[in-house]
Amino acid sequence: MVLSGRNSDLGRGLFSFFAGGFVYYLYAKMAAQGLCQRWKTPLSAATIAGFAVAVLDIKLGFVTPAINQLMEAVLAPAGYGYDTAMGGRIAWLLVTGWLFPVALLTLVTNETARGAMGKTLSPLGDLSYSLYLTHFPLQLFFAYGVAAMGWDKSFYYTDLALLCFMGLLLALSFASHHYVECPIRRYLRNGIPGWNSIFKPVPQTT
């Protein structure tokens, strides 16, 4: 919370990094002990409830005021002051520190318990690296394009801007994956002697 107040980008990055590591640690423990089947339903319920509250809060804006009231009720009798700006930070922490990690844990526990259930969405997974490579250059292109057209920055917040950006991003990522990434991968695997032997899976010993 301190880092998020002083440097929001650094704070979010560090917090998300360690939150992801903690989720993986929990999942590894659960998978090793065979607990994924037992916990998939409670985790799914918690994720659905959390996102429902988050969506309602976007419309009604009740979470931050409720947090402020609760903190003031707890701290005021003890003689401690409270900055109401902390309510927004605590709400942000509940989303990034609880809801997102729980959602990730829900996905992996359900996948482990039920087997591969996302095969129909696997093409999106194939595009993930291309999405990662192209999203930032496309953002720059949009920024320069909007400035060159003389449009107001409020255009970024419109549904049309989102649809245009996502459509172009998926199209560029598809083209990059099929016409750049896949050919390079085939060349590395087949065109460089000894490449396959370098990455040959290590036999499991029993």
N, C-alpha and C. Protein backbone atom coordinates (compact mmCIF):
# COMPACT_ATOMS: atom_id res chain seq x y z
N MET A 1 0.82 -1.20 0.00
CA MET A 1 0.00 0.00 0.00
C MET A 1 0.86 1.25 0.00
N VAL A 2 2.01 1.20 0.69
CA VAL A 2 2.92 2.35 0.71
C VAL A 2 3.46 2.61 -0.69
N LEU A 3 3.91 1.53 -1.36
CA LEU A 3 4.44 1.69 -2.71
C LEU A 3 3.36 2.15 -3.68
N SER A 4 2.13 1.65 -3.51
CA SER A 4 1.07 2.05 -4.43
C SER A 4 0.75 3.52 -4.28
N GLY A 5 0.98 4.08 -3.07
CA GLY A 5 0.74 5.50 -2.87
C GLY A 5 1.85 6.36 -3.42
N ARG A 6 3.09 5.91 -3.29
CA ARG A 6 4.24 6.71 -3.74
C ARG A 6 4.53 6.49 -5.23
N ASN A 7 4.42 5.27 -5.67
CA ASN A 7 4.70 4.96 -7.08
C ASN A 7 3.73 3.86 -7.48
N SER A 8 2.60 4.24 -8.08
CA SER A 8 1.54 3.28 -8.33
C SER A 8 1.98 2.16 -9.26
N ASP A 9 2.75 2.48 -10.31
CA ASP A 9 3.18 1.46 -11.25
C ASP A 9 4.12 0.45 -10.58
N LEU A 10 5.09 0.95 -9.84
CA LEU A 10 6.02 0.07 -9.15
C LEU A 10 5.30 -0.76 -8.10
N GLY A 11 4.40 -0.12 -7.37
CA GLY A 11 3.67 -0.83 -6.33
C GLY A 11 2.82 -1.95 -6.90
N ARG A 12 2.09 -1.66 -7.96
CA ARG A 12 1.24 -2.68 -8.58
C ARG A 12 2.09 -3.81 -9.14
N GLY A 13 3.21 -3.46 -9.76
CA GLY A 13 4.05 -4.50 -10.35
C GLY A 13 4.62 -5.44 -9.30
N LEU A 14 5.20 -4.89 -8.25
CA LEU A 14 5.78 -5.72 -7.19
C LEU A 14 4.72 -6.54 -6.48
N PHE A 15 3.59 -5.90 -6.18
CA PHE A 15 2.54 -6.62 -5.47
C PHE A 15 2.00 -7.76 -6.31
N SER A 16 1.75 -7.52 -7.60
CA SER A 16 1.22 -8.56 -8.47
C SER A 16 2.21 -9.71 -8.63
N PHE A 17 3.50 -9.37 -8.69
CA PHE A 17 4.53 -10.40 -8.83
C PHE A 17 4.49 -11.37 -7.65
N PHE A 18 4.49 -10.82 -6.44
CA PHE A 18 4.51 -11.68 -5.25
C PHE A 18 3.16 -12.36 -5.03
N ALA A 19 2.06 -11.69 -5.42
CA ALA A 19 0.75 -12.33 -5.31
C ALA A 19 0.67 -13.54 -6.23
N GLY A 20 1.21 -13.41 -7.46
CA GLY A 20 1.22 -14.54 -8.37
C GLY A 20 2.06 -15.69 -7.84
N GLY A 21 3.21 -15.36 -7.25
CA GLY A 21 4.05 -16.40 -6.66
C GLY A 21 3.36 -17.11 -5.51
N PHE A 22 2.62 -16.36 -4.71
CA PHE A 22 1.91 -16.95 -3.57
C PHE A 22 0.79 -17.86 -4.05
N VAL A 23 0.10 -17.45 -5.12
CA VAL A 23 -0.96 -18.29 -5.69
C VAL A 23 -0.37 -19.60 -6.20
N TYR A 24 0.77 -19.52 -6.87
CA TYR A 24 1.40 -20.75 -7.35
C TYR A 24 1.80 -21.65 -6.19
N TYR A 25 2.31 -21.06 -5.12
CA TYR A 25 2.70 -21.84 -3.94
C TYR A 25 1.49 -22.57 -3.36
N LEU A 26 0.37 -21.85 -3.23
CA LEU A 26 -0.84 -22.48 -2.70
C LEU A 26 -1.32 -23.60 -3.61
N TYR A 27 -1.30 -23.33 -4.92
CA TYR A 27 -1.77 -24.35 -5.86
C TYR A 27 -0.89 -25.60 -5.80
N ALA A 28 0.42 -25.40 -5.75
CA ALA A 28 1.34 -26.55 -5.69
C ALA A 28 1.06 -27.39 -4.45
N LYS A 29 0.82 -26.73 -3.31
CA LYS A 29 0.51 -27.45 -2.08
C LYS A 29 -0.80 -28.21 -2.22
N MET A 30 -1.82 -27.55 -2.77
CA MET A 30 -3.13 -28.20 -2.92
C MET A 30 -3.06 -29.37 -3.88
N ALA A 31 -2.34 -29.20 -4.99
CA ALA A 31 -2.23 -30.28 -5.97
C ALA A 31 -1.47 -31.46 -5.39
N ALA A 32 -0.42 -31.18 -4.62
CA ALA A 32 0.38 -32.26 -4.03
C ALA A 32 -0.42 -33.06 -3.02
N GLN A 33 -1.34 -32.39 -2.33
CA GLN A 33 -2.14 -33.06 -1.29
C GLN A 33 -3.50 -33.51 -1.81
N GLY A 34 -3.75 -33.35 -3.10
CA GLY A 34 -5.01 -33.79 -3.68
C GLY A 34 -6.22 -33.02 -3.20
N LEU A 35 -6.08 -31.72 -2.97
CA LEU A 35 -7.16 -30.91 -2.42
C LEU A 35 -7.92 -30.10 -3.47
N CYS A 36 -7.52 -30.20 -4.73
CA CYS A 36 -8.16 -29.38 -5.76
C CYS A 36 -9.64 -29.71 -5.91
N GLN A 37 -9.97 -31.01 -5.88
CA GLN A 37 -11.37 -31.41 -6.02
C GLN A 37 -12.22 -30.87 -4.87
N ARG A 38 -11.67 -30.88 -3.67
CA ARG A 38 -12.42 -30.44 -2.49
C ARG A 38 -12.64 -28.93 -2.49
N TRP A 39 -11.67 -28.18 -2.99
CA TRP A 39 -11.72 -26.73 -2.88
C TRP A 39 -12.24 -26.02 -4.12
N LYS A 40 -12.48 -26.74 -5.21
CA LYS A 40 -12.89 -26.05 -6.44
C LYS A 40 -14.25 -25.37 -6.30
N THR A 41 -15.18 -25.99 -5.59
CA THR A 41 -16.51 -25.38 -5.44
C THR A 41 -16.49 -24.16 -4.51
N PRO A 42 -15.88 -24.25 -3.31
CA PRO A 42 -15.81 -23.03 -2.47
C PRO A 42 -15.06 -21.88 -3.14
N LEU A 43 -13.97 -22.19 -3.83
CA LEU A 43 -13.22 -21.13 -4.51
C LEU A 43 -14.04 -20.51 -5.64
N SER A 44 -14.77 -21.35 -6.37
CA SER A 44 -15.61 -20.83 -7.45
C SER A 44 -16.69 -19.91 -6.89
N ALA A 45 -17.30 -20.31 -5.77
CA ALA A 45 -18.33 -19.48 -5.16
C ALA A 45 -17.76 -18.15 -4.68
N ALA A 46 -16.58 -18.19 -4.09
CA ALA A 46 -15.94 -16.95 -3.61
C ALA A 46 -15.60 -16.03 -4.78
N THR A 47 -15.14 -16.61 -5.90
CA THR A 47 -14.80 -15.80 -7.07
C THR A 47 -16.03 -15.14 -7.67
N ILE A 48 -17.09 -15.91 -7.83
CA ILE A 48 -18.32 -15.36 -8.40
C ILE A 48 -18.89 -14.26 -7.50
N ALA A 49 -18.89 -14.50 -6.18
CA ALA A 49 -19.39 -13.49 -5.25
C ALA A 49 -18.53 -12.24 -5.29
N GLY A 50 -17.22 -12.42 -5.36
CA GLY A 50 -16.32 -11.27 -5.38
C GLY A 50 -16.51 -10.41 -6.62
N PHE A 51 -16.63 -11.05 -7.78
CA PHE A 51 -16.83 -10.28 -9.01
C PHE A 51 -18.21 -9.63 -9.03
N ALA A 52 -19.21 -10.28 -8.43
CA ALA A 52 -20.53 -9.67 -8.36
C ALA A 52 -20.49 -8.39 -7.53
N VAL A 53 -19.79 -8.44 -6.41
CA VAL A 53 -19.64 -7.25 -5.57
C VAL A 53 -18.87 -6.16 -6.32
N ALA A 54 -17.81 -6.56 -7.03
CA ALA A 54 -17.01 -5.59 -7.77
C ALA A 54 -17.83 -4.89 -8.84
N VAL A 55 -18.65 -5.66 -9.57
CA VAL A 55 -19.48 -5.06 -10.61
C VAL A 55 -20.51 -4.12 -10.00
N LEU A 56 -21.12 -4.54 -8.91
CA LEU A 56 -22.09 -3.68 -8.23
C LEU A 56 -21.43 -2.40 -7.71
N ASP A 57 -20.20 -2.54 -7.24
CA ASP A 57 -19.50 -1.36 -6.72
C ASP A 57 -19.20 -0.37 -7.83
N ILE A 58 -18.91 -0.87 -9.05
CA ILE A 58 -18.67 0.03 -10.18
C ILE A 58 -19.92 0.88 -10.44
N LYS A 59 -21.10 0.27 -10.31
CA LYS A 59 -22.35 0.97 -10.56
C LYS A 59 -22.78 1.84 -9.38
N LEU A 60 -22.60 1.34 -8.17
CA LEU A 60 -23.17 2.00 -6.99
C LEU A 60 -22.13 2.70 -6.12
N GLY A 61 -20.87 2.26 -6.18
CA GLY A 61 -19.82 2.91 -5.41
C GLY A 61 -20.02 2.85 -3.91
N PHE A 62 -20.28 1.66 -3.38
CA PHE A 62 -20.58 1.53 -1.95
C PHE A 62 -19.44 0.93 -1.14
N VAL A 63 -18.46 0.32 -1.80
CA VAL A 63 -17.42 -0.39 -1.04
C VAL A 63 -16.51 0.58 -0.30
N THR A 64 -15.98 1.59 -0.99
CA THR A 64 -15.05 2.53 -0.35
C THR A 64 -15.71 3.28 0.82
N PRO A 65 -16.93 3.83 0.67
CA PRO A 65 -17.58 4.45 1.84
C PRO A 65 -17.79 3.49 2.99
N ALA A 66 -18.12 2.23 2.68
CA ALA A 66 -18.31 1.25 3.76
C ALA A 66 -17.00 0.97 4.48
N ILE A 67 -15.90 0.90 3.71
CA ILE A 67 -14.59 0.68 4.33
C ILE A 67 -14.24 1.86 5.23
N ASN A 68 -14.48 3.07 4.76
CA ASN A 68 -14.18 4.25 5.56
C ASN A 68 -14.99 4.27 6.84
N GLN A 69 -16.26 3.96 6.76
CA GLN A 69 -17.10 3.93 7.96
C GLN A 69 -16.60 2.88 8.94
N LEU A 70 -16.23 1.71 8.44
CA LEU A 70 -15.74 0.65 9.31
C LEU A 70 -14.43 1.05 9.99
N MET A 71 -13.50 1.61 9.22
CA MET A 71 -12.21 1.99 9.79
C MET A 71 -12.36 3.11 10.81
N GLU A 72 -13.22 4.07 10.53
CA GLU A 72 -13.45 5.16 11.49
C GLU A 72 -14.11 4.65 12.75
N ALA A 73 -15.02 3.69 12.60
CA ALA A 73 -15.69 3.13 13.77
C ALA A 73 -14.72 2.34 14.64
N VAL A 74 -13.72 1.73 14.02
CA VAL A 74 -12.74 0.93 14.77
C VAL A 74 -11.66 1.82 15.37
N LEU A 75 -11.17 2.81 14.61
CA LEU A 75 -10.01 3.59 15.05
C LEU A 75 -10.39 4.80 15.91
N ALA A 76 -11.55 5.41 15.65
CA ALA A 76 -11.91 6.62 16.39
C ALA A 76 -12.02 6.39 17.89
N PRO A 77 -12.67 5.32 18.36
CA PRO A 77 -12.74 5.11 19.82
C PRO A 77 -11.37 4.93 20.47
N ALA A 78 -10.41 4.46 19.70
CA ALA A 78 -9.06 4.26 20.24
C ALA A 78 -8.22 5.53 20.14
N GLY A 79 -8.78 6.59 19.58
CA GLY A 79 -8.06 7.85 19.49
C GLY A 79 -7.14 7.98 18.31
N TYR A 80 -7.29 7.13 17.32
CA TYR A 80 -6.45 7.18 16.13
C TYR A 80 -7.17 7.93 15.01
N GLY A 81 -6.41 8.72 14.28
CA GLY A 81 -6.97 9.41 13.13
C GLY A 81 -7.02 8.48 11.93
N TYR A 82 -7.82 8.85 10.96
CA TYR A 82 -7.96 8.01 9.76
C TYR A 82 -8.14 8.90 8.55
N ASP A 83 -7.33 8.65 7.52
CA ASP A 83 -7.42 9.38 6.27
C ASP A 83 -8.37 8.63 5.34
N THR A 84 -9.45 9.29 4.94
CA THR A 84 -10.46 8.61 4.12
C THR A 84 -9.92 8.21 2.74
N ALA A 85 -8.78 8.80 2.34
CA ALA A 85 -8.18 8.38 1.07
C ALA A 85 -7.71 6.93 1.12
N MET A 86 -7.51 6.42 2.34
CA MET A 86 -7.08 5.03 2.48
C MET A 86 -8.17 4.07 2.05
N GLY A 87 -9.44 4.52 2.10
CA GLY A 87 -10.52 3.63 1.72
C GLY A 87 -10.39 3.13 0.29
N GLY A 88 -10.01 4.03 -0.61
CA GLY A 88 -9.82 3.62 -2.00
C GLY A 88 -8.66 2.66 -2.16
N ARG A 89 -7.58 2.89 -1.40
CA ARG A 89 -6.43 1.98 -1.48
C ARG A 89 -6.78 0.60 -0.95
N ILE A 90 -7.56 0.57 0.13
CA ILE A 90 -7.95 -0.72 0.69
C ILE A 90 -8.86 -1.46 -0.28
N ALA A 91 -9.78 -0.73 -0.92
CA ALA A 91 -10.65 -1.35 -1.92
C ALA A 91 -9.83 -1.91 -3.07
N TRP A 92 -8.82 -1.13 -3.53
CA TRP A 92 -7.93 -1.61 -4.59
C TRP A 92 -7.20 -2.86 -4.14
N LEU A 93 -6.76 -2.89 -2.88
CA LEU A 93 -6.04 -4.04 -2.35
C LEU A 93 -6.94 -5.27 -2.29
N LEU A 94 -8.23 -5.07 -1.98
CA LEU A 94 -9.15 -6.20 -1.94
C LEU A 94 -9.31 -6.84 -3.32
N VAL A 95 -9.26 -6.01 -4.36
CA VAL A 95 -9.41 -6.54 -5.72
C VAL A 95 -8.12 -7.23 -6.16
N THR A 96 -6.99 -6.53 -6.06
CA THR A 96 -5.73 -7.08 -6.55
C THR A 96 -5.11 -8.10 -5.59
N GLY A 97 -5.38 -7.95 -4.30
CA GLY A 97 -4.76 -8.84 -3.33
C GLY A 97 -5.62 -10.01 -2.92
N TRP A 98 -6.91 -9.95 -3.25
CA TRP A 98 -7.79 -11.06 -2.89
C TRP A 98 -8.55 -11.60 -4.10
N LEU A 99 -9.29 -10.73 -4.78
CA LEU A 99 -10.17 -11.22 -5.84
C LEU A 99 -9.39 -11.82 -7.01
N PHE A 100 -8.39 -11.11 -7.52
CA PHE A 100 -7.62 -11.64 -8.65
C PHE A 100 -6.88 -12.92 -8.30
N PRO A 101 -6.15 -12.97 -7.17
CA PRO A 101 -5.49 -14.24 -6.83
C PRO A 101 -6.46 -15.39 -6.62
N VAL A 102 -7.61 -15.13 -5.97
CA VAL A 102 -8.60 -16.19 -5.77
C VAL A 102 -9.15 -16.66 -7.11
N ALA A 103 -9.36 -15.72 -8.04
CA ALA A 103 -9.85 -16.10 -9.37
C ALA A 103 -8.85 -16.99 -10.09
N LEU A 104 -7.57 -16.64 -10.01
CA LEU A 104 -6.54 -17.47 -10.63
C LEU A 104 -6.48 -18.86 -9.99
N LEU A 105 -6.56 -18.89 -8.67
CA LEU A 105 -6.52 -20.17 -7.97
C LEU A 105 -7.75 -21.01 -8.33
N THR A 106 -8.88 -20.35 -8.52
CA THR A 106 -10.09 -21.05 -8.91
C THR A 106 -9.93 -21.71 -10.28
N LEU A 107 -9.35 -20.97 -11.22
CA LEU A 107 -9.16 -21.51 -12.57
C LEU A 107 -8.26 -22.74 -12.57
N VAL A 108 -7.13 -22.65 -11.87
CA VAL A 108 -6.18 -23.77 -11.92
C VAL A 108 -6.69 -24.97 -11.13
N THR A 109 -7.39 -24.74 -10.01
CA THR A 109 -7.92 -25.88 -9.26
C THR A 109 -9.03 -26.58 -10.04
N ASN A 110 -9.89 -25.81 -10.72
CA ASN A 110 -10.93 -26.43 -11.53
C ASN A 110 -10.33 -27.19 -12.70
N GLU A 111 -9.30 -26.63 -13.32
CA GLU A 111 -8.64 -27.32 -14.44
C GLU A 111 -8.01 -28.62 -13.97
N THR A 112 -7.38 -28.58 -12.78
CA THR A 112 -6.74 -29.79 -12.25
C THR A 112 -7.78 -30.83 -11.86
N ALA A 113 -8.88 -30.37 -11.26
CA ALA A 113 -9.90 -31.31 -10.78
C ALA A 113 -10.70 -31.91 -11.92
N ARG A 114 -10.97 -31.15 -12.96
CA ARG A 114 -11.85 -31.60 -14.04
C ARG A 114 -11.09 -31.99 -15.30
N GLY A 115 -9.79 -31.78 -15.33
CA GLY A 115 -9.04 -32.03 -16.54
C GLY A 115 -9.07 -30.83 -17.45
N ALA A 116 -8.42 -30.94 -18.60
CA ALA A 116 -8.34 -29.81 -19.52
C ALA A 116 -9.74 -29.44 -20.00
N MET A 117 -10.22 -28.27 -19.59
CA MET A 117 -11.57 -27.85 -19.97
C MET A 117 -11.54 -26.63 -20.87
N GLY A 118 -10.36 -26.15 -21.22
CA GLY A 118 -10.30 -24.95 -22.03
C GLY A 118 -9.74 -25.18 -23.42
N LYS A 119 -9.94 -26.39 -23.96
CA LYS A 119 -9.38 -26.69 -25.28
C LYS A 119 -9.97 -25.80 -26.35
N THR A 120 -11.25 -25.45 -26.20
CA THR A 120 -11.87 -24.60 -27.21
C THR A 120 -11.28 -23.20 -27.21
N LEU A 121 -10.70 -22.79 -26.09
CA LEU A 121 -10.08 -21.47 -26.00
C LEU A 121 -8.58 -21.51 -26.20
N SER A 122 -8.04 -22.69 -26.53
CA SER A 122 -6.59 -22.83 -26.67
C SER A 122 -6.00 -21.93 -27.75
N PRO A 123 -6.74 -21.60 -28.85
CA PRO A 123 -6.15 -20.66 -29.82
C PRO A 123 -5.80 -19.31 -29.20
N LEU A 124 -6.59 -18.85 -28.23
CA LEU A 124 -6.25 -17.60 -27.56
C LEU A 124 -4.96 -17.75 -26.76
N GLY A 125 -4.78 -18.93 -26.19
CA GLY A 125 -3.52 -19.19 -25.49
C GLY A 125 -2.34 -19.19 -26.43
N ASP A 126 -2.54 -19.71 -27.64
CA ASP A 126 -1.47 -19.70 -28.63
C ASP A 126 -1.07 -18.28 -29.02
N LEU A 127 -2.05 -17.37 -28.95
CA LEU A 127 -1.79 -15.98 -29.34
C LEU A 127 -1.20 -15.15 -28.21
N SER A 128 -1.07 -15.73 -27.03
CA SER A 128 -0.73 -14.93 -25.85
C SER A 128 0.60 -14.20 -26.01
N TYR A 129 1.62 -14.87 -26.57
CA TYR A 129 2.92 -14.22 -26.70
C TYR A 129 2.85 -13.10 -27.74
N SER A 130 2.13 -13.35 -28.84
CA SER A 130 1.97 -12.30 -29.84
C SER A 130 1.15 -11.13 -29.28
N LEU A 131 0.16 -11.42 -28.47
CA LEU A 131 -0.60 -10.35 -27.81
C LEU A 131 0.31 -9.51 -26.95
N TYR A 132 1.19 -10.18 -26.22
CA TYR A 132 2.13 -9.48 -25.35
C TYR A 132 3.06 -8.57 -26.15
N LEU A 133 3.52 -9.06 -27.31
CA LEU A 133 4.47 -8.29 -28.11
C LEU A 133 3.82 -7.10 -28.82
N THR A 134 2.57 -7.24 -29.22
CA THR A 134 1.96 -6.22 -30.08
C THR A 134 1.10 -5.21 -29.33
N HIS A 135 0.70 -5.49 -28.09
CA HIS A 135 -0.28 -4.59 -27.45
C HIS A 135 0.31 -3.21 -27.19
N PHE A 136 1.59 -3.15 -26.77
CA PHE A 136 2.16 -1.84 -26.46
C PHE A 136 2.42 -1.00 -27.71
N PRO A 137 3.04 -1.57 -28.77
CA PRO A 137 3.16 -0.77 -30.00
C PRO A 137 1.82 -0.30 -30.53
N LEU A 138 0.78 -1.13 -30.39
CA LEU A 138 -0.54 -0.72 -30.86
C LEU A 138 -1.10 0.42 -30.01
N GLN A 139 -0.81 0.39 -28.72
CA GLN A 139 -1.22 1.51 -27.86
C GLN A 139 -0.56 2.81 -28.31
N LEU A 140 0.73 2.73 -28.62
CA LEU A 140 1.42 3.93 -29.12
C LEU A 140 0.83 4.40 -30.44
N PHE A 141 0.52 3.46 -31.31
CA PHE A 141 -0.10 3.82 -32.60
C PHE A 141 -1.44 4.52 -32.37
N PHE A 142 -2.23 4.00 -31.44
CA PHE A 142 -3.51 4.63 -31.13
C PHE A 142 -3.31 6.03 -30.59
N ALA A 143 -2.34 6.19 -29.69
CA ALA A 143 -2.10 7.50 -29.09
C ALA A 143 -1.70 8.53 -30.14
N TYR A 144 -0.77 8.15 -31.01
CA TYR A 144 -0.33 9.06 -32.06
C TYR A 144 -1.45 9.30 -33.08
N GLY A 145 -2.23 8.24 -33.36
CA GLY A 145 -3.31 8.39 -34.32
C GLY A 145 -4.39 9.34 -33.84
N VAL A 146 -4.77 9.20 -32.57
CA VAL A 146 -5.80 10.09 -32.00
C VAL A 146 -5.29 11.53 -31.96
N ALA A 147 -4.00 11.70 -31.61
CA ALA A 147 -3.44 13.05 -31.58
C ALA A 147 -3.38 13.65 -32.98
N ALA A 148 -3.00 12.84 -33.97
CA ALA A 148 -2.91 13.34 -35.34
C ALA A 148 -4.26 13.72 -35.91
N MET A 149 -5.31 12.98 -35.50
CA MET A 149 -6.66 13.28 -35.97
C MET A 149 -7.27 14.47 -35.24
N GLY A 150 -6.62 14.91 -34.16
CA GLY A 150 -7.15 16.02 -33.40
C GLY A 150 -8.34 15.68 -32.53
N TRP A 151 -8.53 14.38 -32.25
CA TRP A 151 -9.64 13.97 -31.41
C TRP A 151 -9.31 14.21 -29.94
N ASP A 152 -10.36 14.35 -29.15
CA ASP A 152 -10.19 14.54 -27.71
C ASP A 152 -9.76 13.22 -27.06
N LYS A 153 -9.02 13.34 -25.96
CA LYS A 153 -8.55 12.14 -25.26
C LYS A 153 -9.68 11.31 -24.69
N SER A 154 -10.88 11.90 -24.57
CA SER A 154 -12.02 11.14 -24.06
C SER A 154 -12.40 9.99 -24.99
N PHE A 155 -11.89 10.03 -26.25
CA PHE A 155 -12.16 8.94 -27.18
C PHE A 155 -11.65 7.61 -26.64
N TYR A 156 -10.56 7.67 -25.86
CA TYR A 156 -10.00 6.43 -25.32
C TYR A 156 -10.99 5.70 -24.43
N TYR A 157 -11.94 6.38 -23.85
CA TYR A 157 -12.86 5.79 -22.88
C TYR A 157 -14.17 5.35 -23.53
N THR A 158 -14.27 5.40 -24.84
CA THR A 158 -15.49 5.03 -25.52
C THR A 158 -15.48 3.54 -25.88
N ASP A 159 -16.69 2.99 -26.07
CA ASP A 159 -16.80 1.60 -26.48
C ASP A 159 -16.19 1.37 -27.86
N LEU A 160 -16.33 2.36 -28.73
CA LEU A 160 -15.77 2.23 -30.07
C LEU A 160 -14.25 2.08 -30.04
N ALA A 161 -13.60 2.86 -29.19
CA ALA A 161 -12.14 2.76 -29.07
C ALA A 161 -11.73 1.37 -28.58
N LEU A 162 -12.46 0.85 -27.61
CA LEU A 162 -12.14 -0.48 -27.09
C LEU A 162 -12.33 -1.55 -28.15
N LEU A 163 -13.43 -1.48 -28.90
CA LEU A 163 -13.69 -2.47 -29.94
C LEU A 163 -12.63 -2.40 -31.05
N CYS A 164 -12.29 -1.18 -31.45
CA CYS A 164 -11.26 -1.02 -32.49
C CYS A 164 -9.92 -1.55 -32.02
N PHE A 165 -9.55 -1.22 -30.79
CA PHE A 165 -8.25 -1.65 -30.28
C PHE A 165 -8.19 -3.17 -30.17
N MET A 166 -9.22 -3.78 -29.57
CA MET A 166 -9.20 -5.23 -29.38
C MET A 166 -9.27 -5.96 -30.72
N GLY A 167 -10.05 -5.43 -31.67
CA GLY A 167 -10.12 -6.07 -32.97
C GLY A 167 -8.78 -6.04 -33.69
N LEU A 168 -8.13 -4.87 -33.68
CA LEU A 168 -6.82 -4.77 -34.31
C LEU A 168 -5.79 -5.62 -33.59
N LEU A 169 -5.87 -5.64 -32.27
CA LEU A 169 -4.90 -6.41 -31.49
C LEU A 169 -5.00 -7.89 -31.80
N LEU A 170 -6.22 -8.42 -31.85
CA LEU A 170 -6.39 -9.84 -32.15
C LEU A 170 -5.95 -10.15 -33.58
N ALA A 171 -6.28 -9.26 -34.51
CA ALA A 171 -5.89 -9.49 -35.90
C ALA A 171 -4.37 -9.47 -36.07
N LEU A 172 -3.72 -8.48 -35.47
CA LEU A 172 -2.27 -8.40 -35.57
C LEU A 172 -1.60 -9.58 -34.86
N SER A 173 -2.14 -9.97 -33.73
CA SER A 173 -1.56 -11.09 -32.98
C SER A 173 -1.72 -12.39 -33.76
N PHE A 174 -2.87 -12.57 -34.40
CA PHE A 174 -3.09 -13.76 -35.23
C PHE A 174 -2.08 -13.80 -36.37
N ALA A 175 -1.91 -12.67 -37.05
CA ALA A 175 -0.96 -12.61 -38.16
C ALA A 175 0.47 -12.84 -37.67
N SER A 176 0.83 -12.22 -36.55
CA SER A 176 2.18 -12.39 -36.00
C SER A 176 2.44 -13.84 -35.61
N HIS A 177 1.44 -14.47 -35.01
CA HIS A 177 1.62 -15.86 -34.56
C HIS A 177 1.80 -16.80 -35.75
N HIS A 178 0.94 -16.66 -36.76
CA HIS A 178 0.95 -17.62 -37.86
C HIS A 178 2.04 -17.34 -38.89
N TYR A 179 2.40 -16.07 -39.08
CA TYR A 179 3.33 -15.74 -40.16
C TYR A 179 4.72 -15.35 -39.67
N VAL A 180 4.88 -15.19 -38.37
CA VAL A 180 6.20 -14.86 -37.83
C VAL A 180 6.63 -15.89 -36.78
N GLU A 181 5.82 -16.05 -35.75
CA GLU A 181 6.21 -16.91 -34.63
C GLU A 181 6.31 -18.37 -35.04
N CYS A 182 5.27 -18.90 -35.70
CA CYS A 182 5.29 -20.31 -36.09
C CYS A 182 6.40 -20.64 -37.08
N PRO A 183 6.63 -19.84 -38.14
CA PRO A 183 7.75 -20.14 -39.03
C PRO A 183 9.10 -20.12 -38.34
N ILE A 184 9.30 -19.15 -37.44
CA ILE A 184 10.57 -19.10 -36.72
C ILE A 184 10.72 -20.32 -35.83
N ARG A 185 9.63 -20.72 -35.18
CA ARG A 185 9.68 -21.90 -34.32
C ARG A 185 10.03 -23.14 -35.13
N ARG A 186 9.40 -23.29 -36.30
CA ARG A 186 9.71 -24.45 -37.15
C ARG A 186 11.16 -24.42 -37.61
N TYR A 187 11.65 -23.22 -37.93
CA TYR A 187 13.04 -23.12 -38.37
C TYR A 187 14.00 -23.51 -37.26
N LEU A 188 13.72 -23.03 -36.05
CA LEU A 188 14.60 -23.36 -34.93
C LEU A 188 14.60 -24.86 -34.63
N ARG A 189 13.42 -25.47 -34.76
CA ARG A 189 13.33 -26.89 -34.44
C ARG A 189 13.93 -27.78 -35.54
N ASN A 190 13.75 -27.39 -36.78
CA ASN A 190 14.15 -28.25 -37.89
C ASN A 190 15.39 -27.77 -38.63
N GLY A 191 15.69 -26.47 -38.53
CA GLY A 191 16.77 -25.93 -39.34
C GLY A 191 18.11 -25.84 -38.65
N ILE A 192 18.11 -25.94 -37.31
CA ILE A 192 19.36 -25.84 -36.56
C ILE A 192 19.72 -27.22 -36.04
N PRO A 193 20.84 -27.78 -36.48
CA PRO A 193 21.24 -29.12 -36.04
C PRO A 193 21.40 -29.17 -34.51
N GLY A 194 20.83 -30.22 -33.94
CA GLY A 194 20.97 -30.41 -32.50
C GLY A 194 20.01 -29.64 -31.65
N TRP A 195 19.14 -28.80 -32.27
CA TRP A 195 18.21 -27.99 -31.46
C TRP A 195 17.26 -28.87 -30.66
N ASN A 196 16.68 -29.88 -31.32
CA ASN A 196 15.72 -30.74 -30.63
C ASN A 196 16.37 -31.52 -29.50
N SER A 197 17.65 -31.91 -29.69
CA SER A 197 18.31 -32.67 -28.64
C SER A 197 18.59 -31.81 -27.42
N ILE A 198 18.77 -30.49 -27.64
CA ILE A 198 19.00 -29.60 -26.50
C ILE A 198 17.78 -29.56 -25.60
N PHE A 199 16.59 -29.53 -26.21
CA PHE A 199 15.35 -29.39 -25.44
C PHE A 199 14.58 -30.70 -25.34
N LYS A 200 15.28 -31.80 -25.51
CA LYS A 200 14.65 -33.10 -25.38
C LYS A 200 14.25 -33.32 -23.93
N PRO A 201 12.99 -33.75 -23.67
CA PRO A 201 12.56 -33.95 -22.29
C PRO A 201 13.44 -34.96 -21.57
N VAL A 202 13.70 -34.69 -20.31
CA VAL A 202 14.51 -35.59 -19.48
C VAL A 202 13.65 -36.77 -19.05
N PRO A 203 14.08 -38.02 -19.31
CA PRO A 203 13.28 -39.18 -18.90
C PRO A 203 13.05 -39.19 -17.40
N GLN A 204 11.82 -39.55 -17.01
CA GLN A 204 11.48 -39.64 -15.59
C GLN A 204 11.98 -40.96 -15.04
N THR A 205 12.63 -40.89 -13.89
CA THR A 205 13.13 -42.10 -13.23
C THR A 205 12.12 -42.55 -12.21
N THR A 206 12.00 -43.84 -12.05
CA THR A 206 11.06 -44.41 -11.07
C THR A 206 11.82 -45.10 -9.97
